[in-house]
Amino acid sequence: MFDKKECGERLRWLRKTKGKTQDEVSSDVNISVDTIRKLEQGRRAPSVEIVSILAKYYETTTDYIIFGITQPD
């Protein structure tokens, strides 16, 4: 089941792993920093479009961002 708080934690982890600030991600993907902040805080659920953009940016899957599902080995 989708949990926007856990989704936000995954987005924050992905950003920090990439060594980026919220401002840098915002600028790189053309999404407002306020939206990035609310997503990471779990105060807002991402749209399908935003999930797709961030999955490409972080080089991961939409399933990982939404549900925490990783690719099988």
N, C-alpha and C. Protein backbone atom coordinates (compact mmCIF):
# COMPACT_ATOMS: atom_id res chain seq x y z
N MET A 1 0.83 -1.18 0.00
CA MET A 1 0.00 0.00 0.00
C MET A 1 0.88 1.25 0.00
N PHE A 2 0.45 2.27 -0.72
CA PHE A 2 1.20 3.51 -0.83
C PHE A 2 1.14 4.30 0.48
N ASP A 3 2.29 4.79 0.89
CA ASP A 3 2.40 5.63 2.08
C ASP A 3 3.25 6.85 1.69
N LYS A 4 2.63 8.04 1.68
CA LYS A 4 3.35 9.21 1.19
C LYS A 4 4.52 9.60 2.10
N LYS A 5 4.46 9.26 3.39
CA LYS A 5 5.57 9.54 4.30
C LYS A 5 6.79 8.68 3.93
N GLU A 6 6.55 7.39 3.69
CA GLU A 6 7.65 6.49 3.30
C GLU A 6 8.18 6.86 1.92
N CYS A 7 7.30 7.25 1.03
CA CYS A 7 7.71 7.70 -0.30
C CYS A 7 8.64 8.91 -0.15
N GLY A 8 8.28 9.84 0.70
CA GLY A 8 9.11 11.01 0.95
C GLY A 8 10.47 10.66 1.50
N GLU A 9 10.50 9.67 2.40
CA GLU A 9 11.79 9.23 2.96
C GLU A 9 12.67 8.64 1.86
N ARG A 10 12.08 7.89 0.94
CA ARG A 10 12.85 7.33 -0.17
C ARG A 10 13.38 8.44 -1.07
N LEU A 11 12.54 9.43 -1.35
CA LEU A 11 12.99 10.55 -2.18
C LEU A 11 14.13 11.32 -1.52
N ARG A 12 14.02 11.54 -0.22
CA ARG A 12 15.09 12.23 0.51
C ARG A 12 16.38 11.41 0.46
N TRP A 13 16.28 10.09 0.66
CA TRP A 13 17.45 9.22 0.61
C TRP A 13 18.09 9.25 -0.78
N LEU A 14 17.27 9.18 -1.82
CA LEU A 14 17.79 9.22 -3.19
C LEU A 14 18.53 10.54 -3.45
N ARG A 15 17.95 11.63 -3.00
CA ARG A 15 18.59 12.94 -3.20
C ARG A 15 19.92 13.02 -2.47
N LYS A 16 19.94 12.60 -1.23
CA LYS A 16 21.18 12.67 -0.45
C LYS A 16 22.24 11.74 -1.01
N THR A 17 21.82 10.57 -1.49
CA THR A 17 22.76 9.62 -2.11
C THR A 17 23.41 10.24 -3.34
N LYS A 18 22.64 11.04 -4.06
CA LYS A 18 23.15 11.70 -5.26
C LYS A 18 23.97 12.95 -4.89
N GLY A 19 23.97 13.33 -3.62
CA GLY A 19 24.74 14.49 -3.16
C GLY A 19 24.16 15.81 -3.60
N LYS A 20 22.84 15.88 -3.70
CA LYS A 20 22.18 17.09 -4.17
C LYS A 20 21.38 17.75 -3.05
N THR A 21 21.21 19.06 -3.17
CA THR A 21 20.32 19.78 -2.27
C THR A 21 18.93 19.81 -2.91
N GLN A 22 17.95 20.20 -2.11
CA GLN A 22 16.59 20.33 -2.66
C GLN A 22 16.56 21.39 -3.75
N ASP A 23 17.30 22.47 -3.57
CA ASP A 23 17.37 23.53 -4.58
C ASP A 23 17.95 23.02 -5.89
N GLU A 24 19.00 22.20 -5.80
CA GLU A 24 19.62 21.66 -7.01
C GLU A 24 18.68 20.73 -7.75
N VAL A 25 17.99 19.86 -7.02
CA VAL A 25 17.03 18.95 -7.65
C VAL A 25 15.93 19.76 -8.31
N SER A 26 15.42 20.74 -7.60
CA SER A 26 14.37 21.59 -8.13
C SER A 26 14.78 22.21 -9.46
N SER A 27 15.96 22.75 -9.49
CA SER A 27 16.48 23.39 -10.70
C SER A 27 16.71 22.37 -11.82
N ASP A 28 17.27 21.22 -11.48
CA ASP A 28 17.59 20.19 -12.48
C ASP A 28 16.36 19.61 -13.16
N VAL A 29 15.28 19.43 -12.40
CA VAL A 29 14.08 18.77 -12.95
C VAL A 29 12.92 19.73 -13.21
N ASN A 30 13.13 21.01 -12.92
CA ASN A 30 12.11 22.04 -13.16
C ASN A 30 10.82 21.77 -12.39
N ILE A 31 10.98 21.41 -11.11
CA ILE A 31 9.87 21.25 -10.17
C ILE A 31 10.17 22.20 -9.02
N SER A 32 9.17 22.91 -8.55
CA SER A 32 9.43 23.92 -7.50
C SER A 32 10.06 23.28 -6.27
N VAL A 33 10.91 24.07 -5.61
CA VAL A 33 11.56 23.58 -4.40
C VAL A 33 10.53 23.31 -3.32
N ASP A 34 9.45 24.07 -3.31
CA ASP A 34 8.38 23.85 -2.34
C ASP A 34 7.75 22.47 -2.55
N THR A 35 7.56 22.07 -3.80
CA THR A 35 7.02 20.74 -4.09
C THR A 35 7.99 19.66 -3.66
N ILE A 36 9.27 19.83 -3.97
CA ILE A 36 10.29 18.85 -3.57
C ILE A 36 10.28 18.71 -2.05
N ARG A 37 10.22 19.82 -1.35
CA ARG A 37 10.22 19.82 0.12
C ARG A 37 9.00 19.08 0.67
N LYS A 38 7.82 19.39 0.14
CA LYS A 38 6.59 18.75 0.62
C LYS A 38 6.58 17.26 0.30
N LEU A 39 7.11 16.87 -0.84
CA LEU A 39 7.20 15.45 -1.18
C LEU A 39 8.09 14.72 -0.18
N GLU A 40 9.26 15.28 0.09
CA GLU A 40 10.21 14.64 1.01
C GLU A 40 9.68 14.60 2.44
N GLN A 41 8.89 15.57 2.82
CA GLN A 41 8.32 15.59 4.17
C GLN A 41 7.09 14.69 4.28
N GLY A 42 6.65 14.14 3.16
CA GLY A 42 5.47 13.28 3.18
C GLY A 42 4.18 14.06 3.34
N ARG A 43 4.21 15.35 3.06
CA ARG A 43 3.02 16.19 3.16
C ARG A 43 2.23 16.23 1.86
N ARG A 44 2.83 15.72 0.80
CA ARG A 44 2.19 15.71 -0.51
C ARG A 44 2.54 14.42 -1.22
N ALA A 45 1.55 13.83 -1.88
CA ALA A 45 1.80 12.63 -2.69
C ALA A 45 2.19 13.09 -4.10
N PRO A 46 3.19 12.46 -4.69
CA PRO A 46 3.62 12.87 -6.03
C PRO A 46 2.63 12.41 -7.11
N SER A 47 2.51 13.23 -8.15
CA SER A 47 1.70 12.83 -9.30
C SER A 47 2.48 11.78 -10.10
N VAL A 48 1.79 11.13 -10.99
CA VAL A 48 2.43 10.14 -11.87
C VAL A 48 3.56 10.80 -12.66
N GLU A 49 3.30 12.00 -13.14
CA GLU A 49 4.30 12.73 -13.93
C GLU A 49 5.55 13.02 -13.10
N ILE A 50 5.37 13.47 -11.88
CA ILE A 50 6.52 13.78 -11.02
C ILE A 50 7.29 12.51 -10.66
N VAL A 51 6.59 11.42 -10.39
CA VAL A 51 7.27 10.16 -10.09
C VAL A 51 8.13 9.74 -11.28
N SER A 52 7.58 9.87 -12.48
CA SER A 52 8.32 9.50 -13.68
C SER A 52 9.58 10.37 -13.86
N ILE A 53 9.43 11.66 -13.67
CA ILE A 53 10.57 12.59 -13.80
C ILE A 53 11.65 12.26 -12.77
N LEU A 54 11.25 12.05 -11.53
CA LEU A 54 12.22 11.78 -10.47
C LEU A 54 12.86 10.40 -10.61
N ALA A 55 12.12 9.43 -11.10
CA ALA A 55 12.70 8.09 -11.34
C ALA A 55 13.82 8.18 -12.38
N LYS A 56 13.59 8.93 -13.43
CA LYS A 56 14.63 9.10 -14.46
C LYS A 56 15.81 9.86 -13.88
N TYR A 57 15.54 10.91 -13.13
CA TYR A 57 16.59 11.74 -12.55
C TYR A 57 17.47 10.93 -11.59
N TYR A 58 16.84 10.14 -10.74
CA TYR A 58 17.58 9.37 -9.74
C TYR A 58 18.02 8.01 -10.26
N GLU A 59 17.70 7.71 -11.53
CA GLU A 59 18.08 6.44 -12.16
C GLU A 59 17.56 5.25 -11.36
N THR A 60 16.27 5.28 -11.06
CA THR A 60 15.62 4.21 -10.34
C THR A 60 14.28 3.93 -11.00
N THR A 61 13.48 3.08 -10.38
CA THR A 61 12.19 2.75 -10.96
C THR A 61 11.07 3.51 -10.25
N THR A 62 9.97 3.65 -10.94
CA THR A 62 8.80 4.27 -10.32
C THR A 62 8.30 3.39 -9.18
N ASP A 63 8.40 2.06 -9.33
CA ASP A 63 7.99 1.14 -8.27
C ASP A 63 8.79 1.38 -6.98
N TYR A 64 10.08 1.68 -7.12
CA TYR A 64 10.88 1.95 -5.92
C TYR A 64 10.39 3.22 -5.24
N ILE A 65 10.19 4.28 -6.01
CA ILE A 65 9.76 5.55 -5.41
C ILE A 65 8.40 5.39 -4.73
N ILE A 66 7.46 4.74 -5.40
CA ILE A 66 6.10 4.65 -4.87
C ILE A 66 5.97 3.63 -3.75
N PHE A 67 6.51 2.42 -3.97
CA PHE A 67 6.27 1.32 -3.03
C PHE A 67 7.52 0.79 -2.32
N GLY A 68 8.70 1.22 -2.74
CA GLY A 68 9.93 0.70 -2.14
C GLY A 68 10.35 -0.63 -2.72
N ILE A 69 9.75 -1.01 -3.86
CA ILE A 69 10.07 -2.28 -4.50
C ILE A 69 11.32 -2.12 -5.35
N THR A 70 12.30 -2.97 -5.11
CA THR A 70 13.53 -2.94 -5.89
C THR A 70 13.50 -4.01 -6.97
N GLN A 71 14.38 -3.85 -7.91
CA GLN A 71 14.50 -4.84 -8.99
C GLN A 71 15.01 -6.17 -8.43
N PRO A 72 14.47 -7.29 -8.90
CA PRO A 72 15.00 -8.58 -8.44
C PRO A 72 16.41 -8.79 -8.96
N ASP A 73 17.23 -9.48 -8.17
CA ASP A 73 18.62 -9.73 -8.57
C ASP A 73 18.70 -10.79 -9.64
